[in-house]
Amino acid sequence: MRRLILAATLSLALYSSVGCALPIYSGDPAVRTQELIHTSEDFRNILEEWRRIWFLDQPSHLAPLRVHGGVV
């Protein structure tokens, strides 16, 4: 009984680390290409959205040259 429980636990651990039981993308190469293109476009849009949320797309008002602020 102990071996059965150990085998079941081990197989469950291995099964969960292998990957998804259902594939995310289609098996047809043409459809899979379209799905990958849409996914990569979504990731690109996430980066632009992140820049917009944190106002990183605004012009900088800092001096173009570095200025030493300490006493020389």
PDB file of N, CA and C in Angstrom:
ATOM      1  N   MET A   1       0.827  -1.187   0.000  1.00  0.00           N
ATOM      2  CA  MET A   1       0.000   0.000   0.000  1.00  0.00           C
ATOM      3  C   MET A   1       0.872   1.252   0.000  1.00  0.00           C
ATOM      4  N   ARG A   2       1.969   1.177   0.751  1.00  0.00           N
ATOM      5  CA  ARG A   2       2.874   2.314   0.809  1.00  0.00           C
ATOM      6  C   ARG A   2       3.501   2.594  -0.558  1.00  0.00           C
ATOM      7  N   ARG A   3       3.853   1.535  -1.275  1.00  0.00           N
ATOM      8  CA  ARG A   3       4.436   1.687  -2.603  1.00  0.00           C
ATOM      9  C   ARG A   3       3.435   2.283  -3.583  1.00  0.00           C
ATOM     10  N   LEU A   4       2.190   1.912  -3.473  1.00  0.00           N
ATOM     11  CA  LEU A   4       1.152   2.445  -4.352  1.00  0.00           C
ATOM     12  C   LEU A   4       0.966   3.944  -4.125  1.00  0.00           C
ATOM     13  N   ILE A   5       0.934   4.349  -2.874  1.00  0.00           N
ATOM     14  CA  ILE A   5       0.787   5.778  -2.557  1.00  0.00           C
ATOM     15  C   ILE A   5       2.018   6.542  -3.021  1.00  0.00           C
ATOM     16  N   LEU A   6       3.207   5.986  -2.806  1.00  0.00           N
ATOM     17  CA  LEU A   6       4.438   6.618  -3.252  1.00  0.00           C
ATOM     18  C   LEU A   6       4.477   6.740  -4.775  1.00  0.00           C
ATOM     19  N   ALA A   7       4.077   5.694  -5.478  1.00  0.00           N
ATOM     20  CA  ALA A   7       4.054   5.725  -6.943  1.00  0.00           C
ATOM     21  C   ALA A   7       3.040   6.743  -7.454  1.00  0.00           C
ATOM     22  N   ALA A   8       1.889   6.820  -6.813  1.00  0.00           N
ATOM     23  CA  ALA A   8       0.870   7.786  -7.225  1.00  0.00           C
ATOM     24  C   ALA A   8       1.355   9.211  -6.981  1.00  0.00           C
ATOM     25  N   THR A   9       1.985   9.456  -5.853  1.00  0.00           N
ATOM     26  CA  THR A   9       2.514  10.779  -5.547  1.00  0.00           C
ATOM     27  C   THR A   9       3.614  11.167  -6.519  1.00  0.00           C
ATOM     28  N   LEU A  10       4.512  10.234  -6.812  1.00  0.00           N
ATOM     29  CA  LEU A  10       5.601  10.504  -7.743  1.00  0.00           C
ATOM     30  C   LEU A  10       5.081  10.759  -9.151  1.00  0.00           C
ATOM     31  N   SER A  11       4.120   9.978  -9.595  1.00  0.00           N
ATOM     32  CA  SER A  11       3.574  10.179 -10.936  1.00  0.00           C
ATOM     33  C   SER A  11       2.810  11.502 -11.027  1.00  0.00           C
ATOM     34  N   LEU A  12       2.130  11.879  -9.968  1.00  0.00           N
ATOM     35  CA  LEU A  12       1.426  13.158  -9.951  1.00  0.00           C
ATOM     36  C   LEU A  12       2.421  14.310 -10.008  1.00  0.00           C
ATOM     37  N   ALA A  13       3.527  14.197  -9.282  1.00  0.00           N
ATOM     38  CA  ALA A  13       4.551  15.242  -9.301  1.00  0.00           C
ATOM     39  C   ALA A  13       5.194  15.348 -10.681  1.00  0.00           C
ATOM     40  N   LEU A  14       5.483  14.220 -11.299  1.00  0.00           N
ATOM     41  CA  LEU A  14       6.081  14.249 -12.637  1.00  0.00           C
ATOM     42  C   LEU A  14       5.098  14.758 -13.686  1.00  0.00           C
ATOM     43  N   TYR A  15       3.848  14.382 -13.556  1.00  0.00           N
ATOM     44  CA  TYR A  15       2.832  14.808 -14.514  1.00  0.00           C
ATOM     45  C   TYR A  15       2.607  16.312 -14.442  1.00  0.00           C
ATOM     46  N   SER A  16       2.668  16.878 -13.242  1.00  0.00           N
ATOM     47  CA  SER A  16       2.424  18.311 -13.103  1.00  0.00           C
ATOM     48  C   SER A  16       3.610  19.135 -13.575  1.00  0.00           C
ATOM     49  N   SER A  17       4.813  18.574 -13.609  1.00  0.00           N
ATOM     50  CA  SER A  17       5.983  19.339 -14.036  1.00  0.00           C
ATOM     51  C   SER A  17       6.285  19.195 -15.525  1.00  0.00           C
ATOM     52  N   VAL A  18       5.603  18.309 -16.212  1.00  0.00           N
ATOM     53  CA  VAL A  18       5.875  18.086 -17.626  1.00  0.00           C
ATOM     54  C   VAL A  18       5.348  19.227 -18.475  1.00  0.00           C
ATOM     55  N   GLY A  19       4.175  19.719 -18.195  1.00  0.00           N
ATOM     56  CA  GLY A  19       3.575  20.793 -18.968  1.00  0.00           C
ATOM     57  C   GLY A  19       2.074  20.664 -18.928  1.00  0.00           C
ATOM     58  N   CYS A  20       1.449  21.383 -19.795  1.00  0.00           N
ATOM     59  CA  CYS A  20      -0.005  21.400 -19.836  1.00  0.00           C
ATOM     60  C   CYS A  20      -0.522  20.114 -20.476  1.00  0.00           C
ATOM     61  N   ALA A  21      -1.608  19.591 -19.948  1.00  0.00           N
ATOM     62  CA  ALA A  21      -2.186  18.373 -20.513  1.00  0.00           C
ATOM     63  C   ALA A  21      -2.827  18.670 -21.871  1.00  0.00           C
ATOM     64  N   LEU A  22      -3.381  19.860 -22.018  1.00  0.00           N
ATOM     65  CA  LEU A  22      -3.957  20.281 -23.296  1.00  0.00           C
ATOM     66  C   LEU A  22      -3.022  21.306 -23.938  1.00  0.00           C
ATOM     67  N   PRO A  23      -2.681  21.129 -25.208  1.00  0.00           N
ATOM     68  CA  PRO A  23      -1.771  22.085 -25.845  1.00  0.00           C
ATOM     69  C   PRO A  23      -2.426  23.458 -26.001  1.00  0.00           C
ATOM     70  N   ILE A  24      -1.628  24.499 -25.869  1.00  0.00           N
ATOM     71  CA  ILE A  24      -2.137  25.857 -25.977  1.00  0.00           C
ATOM     72  C   ILE A  24      -2.389  26.210 -27.441  1.00  0.00           C
ATOM     73  N   TYR A  25      -1.480  25.808 -28.300  1.00  0.00           N
ATOM     74  CA  TYR A  25      -1.562  26.167 -29.711  1.00  0.00           C
ATOM     75  C   TYR A  25      -2.038  24.989 -30.550  1.00  0.00           C
ATOM     76  N   SER A  26      -2.522  25.290 -31.717  1.00  0.00           N
ATOM     77  CA  SER A  26      -3.062  24.285 -32.626  1.00  0.00           C
ATOM     78  C   SER A  26      -1.940  23.413 -33.190  1.00  0.00           C
ATOM     79  N   GLY A  27      -2.289  22.236 -33.654  1.00  0.00           N
ATOM     80  CA  GLY A  27      -1.317  21.347 -34.273  1.00  0.00           C
ATOM     81  C   GLY A  27      -1.051  21.696 -35.725  1.00  0.00           C
ATOM     82  N   ASP A  28      -1.960  22.433 -36.358  1.00  0.00           N
ATOM     83  CA  ASP A  28      -1.780  22.849 -37.751  1.00  0.00           C
ATOM     84  C   ASP A  28      -0.759  23.985 -37.809  1.00  0.00           C
ATOM     85  N   PRO A  29       0.314  23.844 -38.606  1.00  0.00           N
ATOM     86  CA  PRO A  29       1.363  24.871 -38.622  1.00  0.00           C
ATOM     87  C   PRO A  29       0.868  26.261 -39.043  1.00  0.00           C
ATOM     88  N   ALA A  30      -0.060  26.331 -39.981  1.00  0.00           N
ATOM     89  CA  ALA A  30      -0.551  27.634 -40.435  1.00  0.00           C
ATOM     90  C   ALA A  30      -1.353  28.331 -39.333  1.00  0.00           C
ATOM     91  N   VAL A  31      -2.202  27.581 -38.667  1.00  0.00           N
ATOM     92  CA  VAL A  31      -3.004  28.156 -37.580  1.00  0.00           C
ATOM     93  C   VAL A  31      -2.104  28.495 -36.394  1.00  0.00           C
ATOM     94  N   ARG A  32      -1.131  27.626 -36.099  1.00  0.00           N
ATOM     95  CA  ARG A  32      -0.222  27.871 -34.984  1.00  0.00           C
ATOM     96  C   ARG A  32       0.595  29.138 -35.222  1.00  0.00           C
ATOM     97  N   THR A  33       1.011  29.387 -36.462  1.00  0.00           N
ATOM     98  CA  THR A  33       1.748  30.603 -36.785  1.00  0.00           C
ATOM     99  C   THR A  33       0.911  31.837 -36.506  1.00  0.00           C
ATOM    100  N   GLN A  34      -0.341  31.816 -36.919  1.00  0.00           N
ATOM    101  CA  GLN A  34      -1.230  32.945 -36.656  1.00  0.00           C
ATOM    102  C   GLN A  34      -1.427  33.153 -35.153  1.00  0.00           C
ATOM    103  N   GLU A  35      -1.582  32.073 -34.410  1.00  0.00           N
ATOM    104  CA  GLU A  35      -1.762  32.186 -32.957  1.00  0.00           C
ATOM    105  C   GLU A  35      -0.513  32.770 -32.298  1.00  0.00           C
ATOM    106  N   LEU A  36       0.673  32.338 -32.738  1.00  0.00           N
ATOM    107  CA  LEU A  36       1.917  32.865 -32.175  1.00  0.00           C
ATOM    108  C   LEU A  36       2.102  34.345 -32.506  1.00  0.00           C
ATOM    109  N   ILE A  37       1.711  34.747 -33.712  1.00  0.00           N
ATOM    110  CA  ILE A  37       1.801  36.160 -34.088  1.00  0.00           C
ATOM    111  C   ILE A  37       0.885  36.996 -33.198  1.00  0.00           C
ATOM    112  N   HIS A  38      -0.344  36.523 -32.982  1.00  0.00           N
ATOM    113  CA  HIS A  38      -1.274  37.271 -32.130  1.00  0.00           C
ATOM    114  C   HIS A  38      -0.761  37.338 -30.692  1.00  0.00           C
ATOM    115  N   THR A  39      -0.169  36.259 -30.204  1.00  0.00           N
ATOM    116  CA  THR A  39       0.362  36.247 -28.845  1.00  0.00           C
ATOM    117  C   THR A  39       1.521  37.226 -28.706  1.00  0.00           C
ATOM    118  N   SER A  40       2.434  37.238 -29.677  1.00  0.00           N
ATOM    119  CA  SER A  40       3.573  38.152 -29.585  1.00  0.00           C
ATOM    120  C   SER A  40       3.119  39.603 -29.706  1.00  0.00           C
ATOM    121  N   GLU A  41       2.099  39.868 -30.517  1.00  0.00           N
ATOM    122  CA  GLU A  41       1.572  41.226 -30.611  1.00  0.00           C
ATOM    123  C   GLU A  41       0.959  41.653 -29.289  1.00  0.00           C
ATOM    124  N   ASP A  42       0.282  40.734 -28.601  1.00  0.00           N
ATOM    125  CA  ASP A  42      -0.300  41.064 -27.310  1.00  0.00           C
ATOM    126  C   ASP A  42       0.790  41.410 -26.304  1.00  0.00           C
ATOM    127  N   PHE A  43       1.914  40.662 -26.315  1.00  0.00           N
ATOM    128  CA  PHE A  43       3.003  40.954 -25.394  1.00  0.00           C
ATOM    129  C   PHE A  43       3.629  42.304 -25.720  1.00  0.00           C
ATOM    130  N   ARG A  44       3.725  42.649 -26.985  1.00  0.00           N
ATOM    131  CA  ARG A  44       4.271  43.940 -27.370  1.00  0.00           C
ATOM    132  C   ARG A  44       3.354  45.060 -26.886  1.00  0.00           C
ATOM    133  N   ASN A  45       2.052  44.853 -26.979  1.00  0.00           N
ATOM    134  CA  ASN A  45       1.111  45.863 -26.509  1.00  0.00           C
ATOM    135  C   ASN A  45       1.163  46.022 -25.002  1.00  0.00           C
ATOM    136  N   ILE A  46       1.447  44.939 -24.282  1.00  0.00           N
ATOM    137  CA  ILE A  46       1.561  45.028 -22.826  1.00  0.00           C
ATOM    138  C   ILE A  46       2.714  45.940 -22.450  1.00  0.00           C
ATOM    139  N   LEU A  47       3.836  45.850 -23.160  1.00  0.00           N
ATOM    140  CA  LEU A  47       4.989  46.702 -22.872  1.00  0.00           C
ATOM    141  C   LEU A  47       4.652  48.169 -23.099  1.00  0.00           C
ATOM    142  N   GLU A  48       3.966  48.483 -24.189  1.00  0.00           N
ATOM    143  CA  GLU A  48       3.573  49.865 -24.457  1.00  0.00           C
ATOM    144  C   GLU A  48       2.574  50.362 -23.424  1.00  0.00           C
ATOM    145  N   GLU A  49       1.673  49.499 -22.998  1.00  0.00           N
ATOM    146  CA  GLU A  49       0.698  49.886 -21.979  1.00  0.00           C
ATOM    147  C   GLU A  49       1.402  50.174 -20.651  1.00  0.00           C
ATOM    148  N   TRP A  50       2.402  49.375 -20.312  1.00  0.00           N
ATOM    149  CA  TRP A  50       3.166  49.585 -19.089  1.00  0.00           C
ATOM    150  C   TRP A  50       3.884  50.940 -19.143  1.00  0.00           C
ATOM    151  N   ARG A  51       4.472  51.270 -20.282  1.00  0.00           N
ATOM    152  CA  ARG A  51       5.146  52.564 -20.428  1.00  0.00           C
ATOM    153  C   ARG A  51       4.151  53.707 -20.302  1.00  0.00           C
ATOM    154  N   ARG A  52       2.950  53.530 -20.819  1.00  0.00           N
ATOM    155  CA  ARG A  52       1.946  54.584 -20.752  1.00  0.00           C
ATOM    156  C   ARG A  52       1.441  54.760 -19.321  1.00  0.00           C
ATOM    157  N   ILE A  53       1.252  53.661 -18.586  1.00  0.00           N
ATOM    158  CA  ILE A  53       0.750  53.734 -17.212  1.00  0.00           C
ATOM    159  C   ILE A  53       1.743  54.460 -16.319  1.00  0.00           C
ATOM    160  N   TRP A  54       3.033  54.160 -16.464  1.00  0.00           N
ATOM    161  CA  TRP A  54       4.048  54.772 -15.603  1.00  0.00           C
ATOM    162  C   TRP A  54       4.596  56.066 -16.190  1.00  0.00           C
ATOM    163  N   PHE A  55       3.957  56.598 -17.227  1.00  0.00           N
ATOM    164  CA  PHE A  55       4.334  57.867 -17.862  1.00  0.00           C
ATOM    165  C   PHE A  55       5.776  57.858 -18.359  1.00  0.00           C
ATOM    166  N   LEU A  56       6.242  56.734 -18.836  1.00  0.00           N
ATOM    167  CA  LEU A  56       7.600  56.653 -19.375  1.00  0.00           C
ATOM    168  C   LEU A  56       7.668  57.154 -20.806  1.00  0.00           C
ATOM    169  N   ASP A  57       6.518  57.365 -21.431  1.00  0.00           N
ATOM    170  CA  ASP A  57       6.498  57.836 -22.803  1.00  0.00           C
ATOM    171  C   ASP A  57       6.460  59.364 -22.888  1.00  0.00           C
ATOM    172  N   GLN A  58       6.536  60.046 -21.734  1.00  0.00           N
ATOM    173  CA  GLN A  58       6.510  61.502 -21.702  1.00  0.00           C
ATOM    174  C   GLN A  58       7.919  62.047 -21.941  1.00  0.00           C
ATOM    175  N   PRO A  59       8.025  63.272 -22.444  1.00  0.00           N
ATOM    176  CA  PRO A  59       9.367  63.848 -22.632  1.00  0.00           C
ATOM    177  C   PRO A  59      10.033  64.111 -21.285  1.00  0.00           C
ATOM    178  N   SER A  60      11.339  63.977 -21.254  1.00  0.00           N
ATOM    179  CA  SER A  60      12.093  64.195 -20.031  1.00  0.00           C
ATOM    180  C   SER A  60      12.350  65.686 -19.842  1.00  0.00           C
ATOM    181  N   HIS A  61      12.206  66.164 -18.621  1.00  0.00           N
ATOM    182  CA  HIS A  61      12.464  67.565 -18.314  1.00  0.00           C
ATOM    183  C   HIS A  61      13.799  67.734 -17.601  1.00  0.00           C
ATOM    184  N   LEU A  62      14.596  66.694 -17.598  1.00  0.00           N
ATOM    185  CA  LEU A  62      15.909  66.771 -16.978  1.00  0.00           C
ATOM    186  C   LEU A  62      16.885  67.476 -17.897  1.00  0.00           C
ATOM    187  N   ALA A  63      17.960  67.983 -17.335  1.00  0.00           N
ATOM    188  CA  ALA A  63      18.982  68.645 -18.143  1.00  0.00           C
ATOM    189  C   ALA A  63      19.644  67.621 -19.056  1.00  0.00           C
ATOM    190  N   PRO A  64      19.957  68.008 -20.288  1.00  0.00           N
ATOM    191  CA  PRO A  64      20.590  67.042 -21.196  1.00  0.00           C
ATOM    192  C   PRO A  64      22.003  66.667 -20.766  1.00  0.00           C
ATOM    193  N   LEU A  65      22.676  67.532 -19.969  1.00  0.00           N
ATOM    194  CA  LEU A  65      24.023  67.236 -19.489  1.00  0.00           C
ATOM    195  C   LEU A  65      23.954  66.931 -18.002  1.00  0.00           C
ATOM    196  N   ARG A  66      24.799  66.031 -17.554  1.00  0.00           N
ATOM    197  CA  ARG A  66      24.845  65.733 -16.124  1.00  0.00           C
ATOM    198  C   ARG A  66      25.544  66.883 -15.403  1.00  0.00           C
ATOM    199  N   VAL A  67      24.949  67.315 -14.319  1.00  0.00           N
ATOM    200  CA  VAL A  67      25.481  68.427 -13.549  1.00  0.00           C
ATOM    201  C   VAL A  67      25.943  67.887 -12.206  1.00  0.00           C
ATOM    202  N   HIS A  68      27.153  68.255 -11.795  1.00  0.00           N
ATOM    203  CA  HIS A  68      27.671  67.829 -10.495  1.00  0.00           C
ATOM    204  C   HIS A  68      27.011  68.696  -9.437  1.00  0.00           C
ATOM    205  N   GLY A  69      26.289  68.107  -8.500  1.00  0.00           N
ATOM    206  CA  GLY A  69      25.547  68.876  -7.509  1.00  0.00           C
ATOM    207  C   GLY A  69      26.303  69.069  -6.202  1.00  0.00           C
ATOM    208  N   GLY A  70      27.463  68.478  -6.067  1.00  0.00           N
ATOM    209  CA  GLY A  70      28.193  68.586  -4.811  1.00  0.00           C
ATOM    210  C   GLY A  70      29.166  69.754  -4.814  1.00  0.00           C
ATOM    211  N   VAL A  71      29.791  69.955  -3.680  1.00  0.00           N
ATOM    212  CA  VAL A  71      30.799  70.997  -3.560  1.00  0.00           C
ATOM    213  C   VAL A  71      32.105  70.429  -4.054  1.00  0.00           C
ATOM    214  N   VAL A  72      32.766  71.191  -4.929  1.00  0.00           N
ATOM    215  CA  VAL A  72      34.014  70.723  -5.520  1.00  0.00           C
ATOM    216  C   VAL A  72      35.195  71.230  -4.746  1.00  0.00           C
TER     217      VAL A  72
END
